[in-house]
């Protein structure tokens, strides 16, 4: 049972759970988005961890899913949003 909200299809979560363990699947798939077999992790750190894991890359390859690097956090953009609020 996931500890964090599952934002990807359950099949992807279950395969990542089998291949990499519950902590990995929870941490790096929570907040991720899957569109037309392209996985976009929520954070750049999650993308790095998935890229570093042979087991995670094997799961993605098995499911025919491409991993895409998310954009880096833009602090200036965040400040502008905070000022507008």
PDB file of N, CA and C in Angstrom:
ATOM      1  N   UNK A   1       0.838  -1.191   0.000  1.00  0.00           N
ATOM      2  CA  UNK A   1       0.000   0.000   0.000  1.00  0.00           C
ATOM      3  C   UNK A   1       0.878   1.247   0.000  1.00  0.00           C
ATOM      4  N   UNK A   2       0.685   2.138  -0.967  1.00  0.00           N
ATOM      5  CA  UNK A   2       1.510   3.339  -1.048  1.00  0.00           C
ATOM      6  C   UNK A   2       1.335   4.243   0.171  1.00  0.00           C
ATOM      7  N   UNK A   3       2.432   4.874   0.568  1.00  0.00           N
ATOM      8  CA  UNK A   3       2.385   5.825   1.680  1.00  0.00           C
ATOM      9  C   UNK A   3       2.072   7.243   1.209  1.00  0.00           C
ATOM     10  N   UNK A   4       2.348   7.528  -0.050  1.00  0.00           N
ATOM     11  CA  UNK A   4       2.099   8.847  -0.624  1.00  0.00           C
ATOM     12  C   UNK A   4       1.072   8.704  -1.746  1.00  0.00           C
ATOM     13  N   UNK A   5       0.451   9.798  -2.172  1.00  0.00           N
ATOM     14  CA  UNK A   5      -0.536   9.711  -3.255  1.00  0.00           C
ATOM     15  C   UNK A   5       0.086   9.154  -4.543  1.00  0.00           C
ATOM     16  N   UNK A   6      -0.598   8.201  -5.154  1.00  0.00           N
ATOM     17  CA  UNK A   6      -0.141   7.617  -6.418  1.00  0.00           C
ATOM     18  C   UNK A   6      -0.715   8.453  -7.554  1.00  0.00           C
ATOM     19  N   UNK A   7       0.177   9.058  -8.346  1.00  0.00           N
ATOM     20  CA  UNK A   7      -0.261   9.937  -9.435  1.00  0.00           C
ATOM     21  C   UNK A   7       0.063   9.352 -10.798  1.00  0.00           C
ATOM     22  N   UNK A   8       0.509   8.108 -10.813  1.00  0.00           N
ATOM     23  CA  UNK A   8       0.789   7.392 -12.064  1.00  0.00           C
ATOM     24  C   UNK A   8      -0.117   6.167 -12.099  1.00  0.00           C
ATOM     25  N   UNK A   9      -0.271   5.534 -13.270  1.00  0.00           N
ATOM     26  CA  UNK A   9      -1.093   4.323 -13.328  1.00  0.00           C
ATOM     27  C   UNK A   9      -0.588   3.258 -12.346  1.00  0.00           C
ATOM     28  N   UNK A  10      -1.524   2.523 -11.792  1.00  0.00           N
ATOM     29  CA  UNK A  10      -1.182   1.524 -10.774  1.00  0.00           C
ATOM     30  C   UNK A  10      -0.207   0.476 -11.313  1.00  0.00           C
ATOM     31  N   UNK A  11      -0.301   0.130 -12.593  1.00  0.00           N
ATOM     32  CA  UNK A  11       0.619  -0.843 -13.177  1.00  0.00           C
ATOM     33  C   UNK A  11       2.067  -0.376 -13.065  1.00  0.00           C
ATOM     34  N   UNK A  12       2.320   0.889 -13.349  1.00  0.00           N
ATOM     35  CA  UNK A  12       3.673   1.432 -13.238  1.00  0.00           C
ATOM     36  C   UNK A  12       4.128   1.397 -11.789  1.00  0.00           C
ATOM     37  N   UNK A  13       3.277   1.835 -10.879  1.00  0.00           N
ATOM     38  CA  UNK A  13       3.638   1.823  -9.460  1.00  0.00           C
ATOM     39  C   UNK A  13       3.957   0.397  -9.005  1.00  0.00           C
ATOM     40  N   UNK A  14       3.110  -0.564  -9.357  1.00  0.00           N
ATOM     41  CA  UNK A  14       3.303  -1.948  -8.920  1.00  0.00           C
ATOM     42  C   UNK A  14       4.602  -2.544  -9.471  1.00  0.00           C
ATOM     43  N   UNK A  15       4.914  -2.262 -10.728  1.00  0.00           N
ATOM     44  CA  UNK A  15       6.155  -2.777 -11.311  1.00  0.00           C
ATOM     45  C   UNK A  15       7.378  -2.133 -10.658  1.00  0.00           C
ATOM     46  N   UNK A  16       7.294  -0.834 -10.378  1.00  0.00           N
ATOM     47  CA  UNK A  16       8.412  -0.151  -9.715  1.00  0.00           C
ATOM     48  C   UNK A  16       8.571  -0.679  -8.290  1.00  0.00           C
ATOM     49  N   UNK A  17       7.457  -0.969  -7.645  1.00  0.00           N
ATOM     50  CA  UNK A  17       7.479  -1.548  -6.297  1.00  0.00           C
ATOM     51  C   UNK A  17       8.200  -2.895  -6.324  1.00  0.00           C
ATOM     52  N   UNK A  18       7.871  -3.746  -7.297  1.00  0.00           N
ATOM     53  CA  UNK A  18       8.519  -5.060  -7.412  1.00  0.00           C
ATOM     54  C   UNK A  18       9.998  -4.927  -7.733  1.00  0.00           C
ATOM     55  N   UNK A  19      10.336  -3.993  -8.603  1.00  0.00           N
ATOM     56  CA  UNK A  19      11.715  -3.863  -9.060  1.00  0.00           C
ATOM     57  C   UNK A  19      12.629  -3.081  -8.143  1.00  0.00           C
ATOM     58  N   UNK A  20      12.066  -2.116  -7.408  1.00  0.00           N
ATOM     59  CA  UNK A  20      12.915  -1.191  -6.651  1.00  0.00           C
ATOM     60  C   UNK A  20      12.557  -1.063  -5.173  1.00  0.00           C
ATOM     61  N   UNK A  21      11.418  -1.578  -4.778  1.00  0.00           N
ATOM     62  CA  UNK A  21      11.018  -1.477  -3.379  1.00  0.00           C
ATOM     63  C   UNK A  21      10.018  -0.361  -3.134  1.00  0.00           C
ATOM     64  N   UNK A  22       9.352  -0.468  -1.986  1.00  0.00           N
ATOM     65  CA  UNK A  22       8.279   0.467  -1.649  1.00  0.00           C
ATOM     66  C   UNK A  22       8.770   1.896  -1.442  1.00  0.00           C
ATOM     67  N   UNK A  23       9.886   2.070  -0.730  1.00  0.00           N
ATOM     68  CA  UNK A  23      10.384   3.426  -0.474  1.00  0.00           C
ATOM     69  C   UNK A  23      10.721   4.150  -1.767  1.00  0.00           C
ATOM     70  N   UNK A  24      11.359   3.435  -2.695  1.00  0.00           N
ATOM     71  CA  UNK A  24      11.735   4.037  -3.971  1.00  0.00           C
ATOM     72  C   UNK A  24      10.484   4.426  -4.757  1.00  0.00           C
ATOM     73  N   UNK A  25       9.553   3.479  -4.888  1.00  0.00           N
ATOM     74  CA  UNK A  25       8.328   3.748  -5.655  1.00  0.00           C
ATOM     75  C   UNK A  25       7.547   4.907  -5.062  1.00  0.00           C
ATOM     76  N   UNK A  26       7.400   4.926  -3.737  1.00  0.00           N
ATOM     77  CA  UNK A  26       6.676   6.017  -3.086  1.00  0.00           C
ATOM     78  C   UNK A  26       7.362   7.356  -3.294  1.00  0.00           C
ATOM     79  N   UNK A  27       8.658   7.391  -3.045  1.00  0.00           N
ATOM     80  CA  UNK A  27       9.390   8.654  -3.072  1.00  0.00           C
ATOM     81  C   UNK A  27       9.466   9.280  -4.456  1.00  0.00           C
ATOM     82  N   UNK A  28       9.747   8.463  -5.455  1.00  0.00           N
ATOM     83  CA  UNK A  28      10.068   9.040  -6.759  1.00  0.00           C
ATOM     84  C   UNK A  28       8.938   9.000  -7.774  1.00  0.00           C
ATOM     85  N   UNK A  29       7.861   8.280  -7.481  1.00  0.00           N
ATOM     86  CA  UNK A  29       6.702   8.299  -8.386  1.00  0.00           C
ATOM     87  C   UNK A  29       5.591   9.214  -7.884  1.00  0.00           C
ATOM     88  N   UNK A  30       5.600   9.563  -6.603  1.00  0.00           N
ATOM     89  CA  UNK A  30       4.571  10.461  -6.078  1.00  0.00           C
ATOM     90  C   UNK A  30       4.697  11.826  -6.750  1.00  0.00           C
ATOM     91  N   UNK A  31       3.623  12.281  -7.316  1.00  0.00           N
ATOM     92  CA  UNK A  31       3.622  13.568  -8.003  1.00  0.00           C
ATOM     93  C   UNK A  31       4.046  13.493  -9.457  1.00  0.00           C
ATOM     94  N   UNK A  32       4.550  12.340  -9.885  1.00  0.00           N
ATOM     95  CA  UNK A  32       4.968  12.187 -11.286  1.00  0.00           C
ATOM     96  C   UNK A  32       3.740  12.105 -12.189  1.00  0.00           C
ATOM     97  N   UNK A  33       3.942  12.403 -13.452  1.00  0.00           N
ATOM     98  CA  UNK A  33       2.867  12.340 -14.441  1.00  0.00           C
ATOM     99  C   UNK A  33       3.297  11.430 -15.586  1.00  0.00           C
ATOM    100  N   UNK A  34       2.355  10.653 -16.092  1.00  0.00           N
ATOM    101  CA  UNK A  34       2.615   9.786 -17.240  1.00  0.00           C
ATOM    102  C   UNK A  34       1.655  10.183 -18.350  1.00  0.00           C
ATOM    103  N   UNK A  35       2.224  10.615 -19.475  1.00  0.00           N
ATOM    104  CA  UNK A  35       1.436  11.013 -20.644  1.00  0.00           C
ATOM    105  C   UNK A  35       2.008  10.314 -21.864  1.00  0.00           C
ATOM    106  N   UNK A  36       1.188   9.494 -22.504  1.00  0.00           N
ATOM    107  CA  UNK A  36       1.577   8.801 -23.734  1.00  0.00           C
ATOM    108  C   UNK A  36       2.937   8.121 -23.591  1.00  0.00           C
ATOM    109  N   UNK A  37       3.090   7.353 -22.518  1.00  0.00           N
ATOM    110  CA  UNK A  37       4.312   6.589 -22.231  1.00  0.00           C
ATOM    111  C   UNK A  37       5.551   7.452 -22.005  1.00  0.00           C
ATOM    112  N   UNK A  38       5.343   8.686 -21.580  1.00  0.00           N
ATOM    113  CA  UNK A  38       6.446   9.559 -21.174  1.00  0.00           C
ATOM    114  C   UNK A  38       6.233   9.905 -19.708  1.00  0.00           C
ATOM    115  N   UNK A  39       7.220   9.535 -18.877  1.00  0.00           N
ATOM    116  CA  UNK A  39       7.143   9.785 -17.445  1.00  0.00           C
ATOM    117  C   UNK A  39       7.865  11.072 -17.120  1.00  0.00           C
ATOM    118  N   UNK A  40       7.158  11.984 -16.463  1.00  0.00           N
ATOM    119  CA  UNK A  40       7.730  13.250 -16.025  1.00  0.00           C
ATOM    120  C   UNK A  40       7.688  13.285 -14.499  1.00  0.00           C
ATOM    121  N   UNK A  41       8.829  13.041 -13.842  1.00  0.00           N
ATOM    122  CA  UNK A  41       8.847  13.116 -12.381  1.00  0.00           C
ATOM    123  C   UNK A  41       8.538  14.534 -11.901  1.00  0.00           C
ATOM    124  N   UNK A  42       8.054  14.638 -10.675  1.00  0.00           N
ATOM    125  CA  UNK A  42       7.684  15.941 -10.112  1.00  0.00           C
ATOM    126  C   UNK A  42       8.908  16.807  -9.860  1.00  0.00           C
ATOM    127  N   UNK A  43      10.018  16.201  -9.457  1.00  0.00           N
ATOM    128  CA  UNK A  43      11.213  16.981  -9.124  1.00  0.00           C
ATOM    129  C   UNK A  43      12.419  16.501  -9.926  1.00  0.00           C
ATOM    130  N   UNK A  44      13.394  17.377 -10.016  1.00  0.00           N
ATOM    131  CA  UNK A  44      14.633  17.029 -10.690  1.00  0.00           C
ATOM    132  C   UNK A  44      15.376  15.955  -9.895  1.00  0.00           C
ATOM    133  N   UNK A  45      15.306  15.993  -8.574  1.00  0.00           N
ATOM    134  CA  UNK A  45      15.953  14.992  -7.730  1.00  0.00           C
ATOM    135  C   UNK A  45      15.367  13.602  -8.004  1.00  0.00           C
ATOM    136  N   UNK A  46      14.055  13.510  -8.175  1.00  0.00           N
ATOM    137  CA  UNK A  46      13.422  12.230  -8.495  1.00  0.00           C
ATOM    138  C   UNK A  46      13.927  11.719  -9.843  1.00  0.00           C
ATOM    139  N   UNK A  47      14.048  12.607 -10.811  1.00  0.00           N
ATOM    140  CA  UNK A  47      14.575  12.222 -12.124  1.00  0.00           C
ATOM    141  C   UNK A  47      15.997  11.680 -11.987  1.00  0.00           C
ATOM    142  N   UNK A  48      16.833  12.359 -11.195  1.00  0.00           N
ATOM    143  CA  UNK A  48      18.208  11.905 -10.992  1.00  0.00           C
ATOM    144  C   UNK A  48      18.252  10.513 -10.373  1.00  0.00           C
ATOM    145  N   UNK A  49      17.441  10.291  -9.355  1.00  0.00           N
ATOM    146  CA  UNK A  49      17.440   8.994  -8.665  1.00  0.00           C
ATOM    147  C   UNK A  49      16.980   7.865  -9.592  1.00  0.00           C
ATOM    148  N   UNK A  50      15.976   8.149 -10.416  1.00  0.00           N
ATOM    149  CA  UNK A  50      15.507   7.134 -11.361  1.00  0.00           C
ATOM    150  C   UNK A  50      16.602   6.856 -12.393  1.00  0.00           C
ATOM    151  N   UNK A  51      17.267   7.903 -12.867  1.00  0.00           N
ATOM    152  CA  UNK A  51      18.342   7.732 -13.849  1.00  0.00           C
ATOM    153  C   UNK A  51      19.506   6.930 -13.270  1.00  0.00           C
ATOM    154  N   UNK A  52      19.760   7.060 -11.974  1.00  0.00           N
ATOM    155  CA  UNK A  52      20.871   6.360 -11.325  1.00  0.00           C
ATOM    156  C   UNK A  52      20.555   4.899 -11.028  1.00  0.00           C
ATOM    157  N   UNK A  53      19.298   4.518 -11.071  1.00  0.00           N
ATOM    158  CA  UNK A  53      18.886   3.172 -10.682  1.00  0.00           C
ATOM    159  C   UNK A  53      18.720   2.267 -11.906  1.00  0.00           C
ATOM    160  N   UNK A  54      19.584   1.246 -11.995  1.00  0.00           N
ATOM    161  CA  UNK A  54      19.457   0.281 -13.086  1.00  0.00           C
ATOM    162  C   UNK A  54      18.123  -0.436 -13.009  1.00  0.00           C
ATOM    163  N   UNK A  55      17.684  -0.764 -11.804  1.00  0.00           N
ATOM    164  CA  UNK A  55      16.416  -1.486 -11.630  1.00  0.00           C
ATOM    165  C   UNK A  55      15.244  -0.639 -12.124  1.00  0.00           C
ATOM    166  N   UNK A  56      15.245   0.656 -11.796  1.00  0.00           N
ATOM    167  CA  UNK A  56      14.162   1.549 -12.237  1.00  0.00           C
ATOM    168  C   UNK A  56      14.163   1.679 -13.759  1.00  0.00           C
ATOM    169  N   UNK A  57      15.337   1.814 -14.340  1.00  0.00           N
ATOM    170  CA  UNK A  57      15.417   1.920 -15.803  1.00  0.00           C
ATOM    171  C   UNK A  57      14.962   0.628 -16.470  1.00  0.00           C
ATOM    172  N   UNK A  58      15.242  -0.522 -15.837  1.00  0.00           N
ATOM    173  CA  UNK A  58      14.764  -1.798 -16.368  1.00  0.00           C
ATOM    174  C   UNK A  58      13.235  -1.862 -16.355  1.00  0.00           C
ATOM    175  N   UNK A  59      12.624  -1.364 -15.272  1.00  0.00           N
ATOM    176  CA  UNK A  59      11.160  -1.339 -15.177  1.00  0.00           C
ATOM    177  C   UNK A  59      10.582  -0.464 -16.287  1.00  0.00           C
ATOM    178  N   UNK A  60      11.147   0.723 -16.466  1.00  0.00           N
ATOM    179  CA  UNK A  60      10.649   1.629 -17.503  1.00  0.00           C
ATOM    180  C   UNK A  60      10.824   1.018 -18.897  1.00  0.00           C
ATOM    181  N   UNK A  61      11.950   0.380 -19.116  1.00  0.00           N
ATOM    182  CA  UNK A  61      12.194  -0.266 -20.413  1.00  0.00           C
ATOM    183  C   UNK A  61      11.184  -1.396 -20.642  1.00  0.00           C
ATOM    184  N   UNK A  62      10.924  -2.203 -19.605  1.00  0.00           N
ATOM    185  CA  UNK A  62       9.957  -3.296 -19.690  1.00  0.00           C
ATOM    186  C   UNK A  62       8.564  -2.782 -20.054  1.00  0.00           C
ATOM    187  N   UNK A  63       8.187  -1.628 -19.479  1.00  0.00           N
ATOM    188  CA  UNK A  63       6.865  -1.043 -19.730  1.00  0.00           C
ATOM    189  C   UNK A  63       6.852  -0.123 -20.956  1.00  0.00           C
ATOM    190  N   UNK A  64       8.010   0.015 -21.609  1.00  0.00           N
ATOM    191  CA  UNK A  64       8.149   0.880 -22.792  1.00  0.00           C
ATOM    192  C   UNK A  64       7.794   2.335 -22.461  1.00  0.00           C
ATOM    193  N   UNK A  65       8.354   2.807 -21.345  1.00  0.00           N
ATOM    194  CA  UNK A  65       8.120   4.173 -20.883  1.00  0.00           C
ATOM    195  C   UNK A  65       9.425   4.952 -20.990  1.00  0.00           C
ATOM    196  N   UNK A  66       9.338   6.163 -21.515  1.00  0.00           N
ATOM    197  CA  UNK A  66      10.478   7.059 -21.642  1.00  0.00           C
ATOM    198  C   UNK A  66      10.482   8.027 -20.467  1.00  0.00           C
ATOM    199  N   UNK A  67      11.647   8.218 -19.875  1.00  0.00           N
ATOM    200  CA  UNK A  67      11.792   9.152 -18.764  1.00  0.00           C
ATOM    201  C   UNK A  67      12.220  10.509 -19.305  1.00  0.00           C
ATOM    202  N   UNK A  68      11.502  11.548 -18.918  1.00  0.00           N
ATOM    203  CA  UNK A  68      11.832  12.902 -19.366  1.00  0.00           C
ATOM    204  C   UNK A  68      12.282  13.732 -18.170  1.00  0.00           C
ATOM    205  N   UNK A  69      13.316  14.500 -18.373  1.00  0.00           N
ATOM    206  CA  UNK A  69      13.837  15.371 -17.308  1.00  0.00           C
ATOM    207  C   UNK A  69      12.882  16.545 -17.092  1.00  0.00           C
ATOM    208  N   UNK A  70      12.474  16.786 -15.831  1.00  0.00           N
ATOM    209  CA  UNK A  70      11.600  17.924 -15.570  1.00  0.00           C
ATOM    210  C   UNK A  70      12.386  19.231 -15.603  1.00  0.00           C
ATOM    211  N   UNK A  71      11.713  20.342 -15.764  1.00  0.00           N
ATOM    212  CA  UNK A  71      12.420  21.626 -15.738  1.00  0.00           C
ATOM    213  C   UNK A  71      12.974  21.883 -14.338  1.00  0.00           C
ATOM    214  N   UNK A  72      14.075  22.602 -14.274  1.00  0.00           N
ATOM    215  CA  UNK A  72      14.658  22.966 -12.986  1.00  0.00           C
ATOM    216  C   UNK A  72      13.771  24.000 -12.294  1.00  0.00           C
ATOM    217  N   UNK A  73      13.802  23.999 -10.974  1.00  0.00           N
ATOM    218  CA  UNK A  73      13.037  24.958 -10.183  1.00  0.00           C
ATOM    219  C   UNK A  73      13.540  26.365 -10.473  1.00  0.00           C
ATOM    220  N   UNK A  74      12.626  27.286 -10.675  1.00  0.00           N
ATOM    221  CA  UNK A  74      12.970  28.671 -10.959  1.00  0.00           C
ATOM    222  C   UNK A  74      12.546  29.516  -9.760  1.00  0.00           C
ATOM    223  N   UNK A  75      13.491  29.840  -8.907  1.00  0.00           N
ATOM    224  CA  UNK A  75      13.194  30.597  -7.684  1.00  0.00           C
ATOM    225  C   UNK A  75      12.612  31.974  -7.999  1.00  0.00           C
ATOM    226  N   UNK A  76      13.094  32.618  -9.050  1.00  0.00           N
ATOM    227  CA  UNK A  76      12.586  33.942  -9.398  1.00  0.00           C
ATOM    228  C   UNK A  76      11.095  33.877  -9.722  1.00  0.00           C
ATOM    229  N   UNK A  77      10.678  32.831 -10.401  1.00  0.00           N
ATOM    230  CA  UNK A  77       9.267  32.659 -10.744  1.00  0.00           C
ATOM    231  C   UNK A  77       8.436  32.485  -9.467  1.00  0.00           C
ATOM    232  N   UNK A  78       8.946  31.733  -8.522  1.00  0.00           N
ATOM    233  CA  UNK A  78       8.269  31.503  -7.261  1.00  0.00           C
ATOM    234  C   UNK A  78       8.090  32.797  -6.485  1.00  0.00           C
ATOM    235  N   UNK A  79       9.118  33.652  -6.500  1.00  0.00           N
ATOM    236  CA  UNK A  79       9.048  34.943  -5.808  1.00  0.00           C
ATOM    237  C   UNK A  79       7.960  35.801  -6.438  1.00  0.00           C
ATOM    238  N   UNK A  80       7.875  35.816  -7.761  1.00  0.00           N
ATOM    239  CA  UNK A  80       6.856  36.605  -8.432  1.00  0.00           C
ATOM    240  C   UNK A  80       5.467  36.135  -8.049  1.00  0.00           C
ATOM    241  N   UNK A  81       5.260  34.818  -7.949  1.00  0.00           N
ATOM    242  CA  UNK A  81       3.970  34.316  -7.548  1.00  0.00           C
ATOM    243  C   UNK A  81       3.639  34.714  -6.111  1.00  0.00           C
ATOM    244  N   UNK A  82       4.628  34.704  -5.246  1.00  0.00           N
ATOM    245  CA  UNK A  82       4.395  35.056  -3.843  1.00  0.00           C
ATOM    246  C   UNK A  82       4.029  36.536  -3.708  1.00  0.00           C
ATOM    247  N   UNK A  83       4.626  37.389  -4.497  1.00  0.00           N
ATOM    248  CA  UNK A  83       4.327  38.823  -4.433  1.00  0.00           C
ATOM    249  C   UNK A  83       2.934  39.137  -4.969  1.00  0.00           C
ATOM    250  N   UNK A  84       2.496  38.377  -5.947  1.00  0.00           N
ATOM    251  CA  UNK A  84       1.193  38.628  -6.560  1.00  0.00           C
ATOM    252  C   UNK A  84       0.058  38.213  -5.621  1.00  0.00           C
ATOM    253  N   UNK A  85       0.342  37.311  -4.705  1.00  0.00           N
ATOM    254  CA  UNK A  85      -0.722  36.795  -3.828  1.00  0.00           C
ATOM    255  C   UNK A  85      -1.104  37.741  -2.735  1.00  0.00           C
TER     256      UNK A  85
END
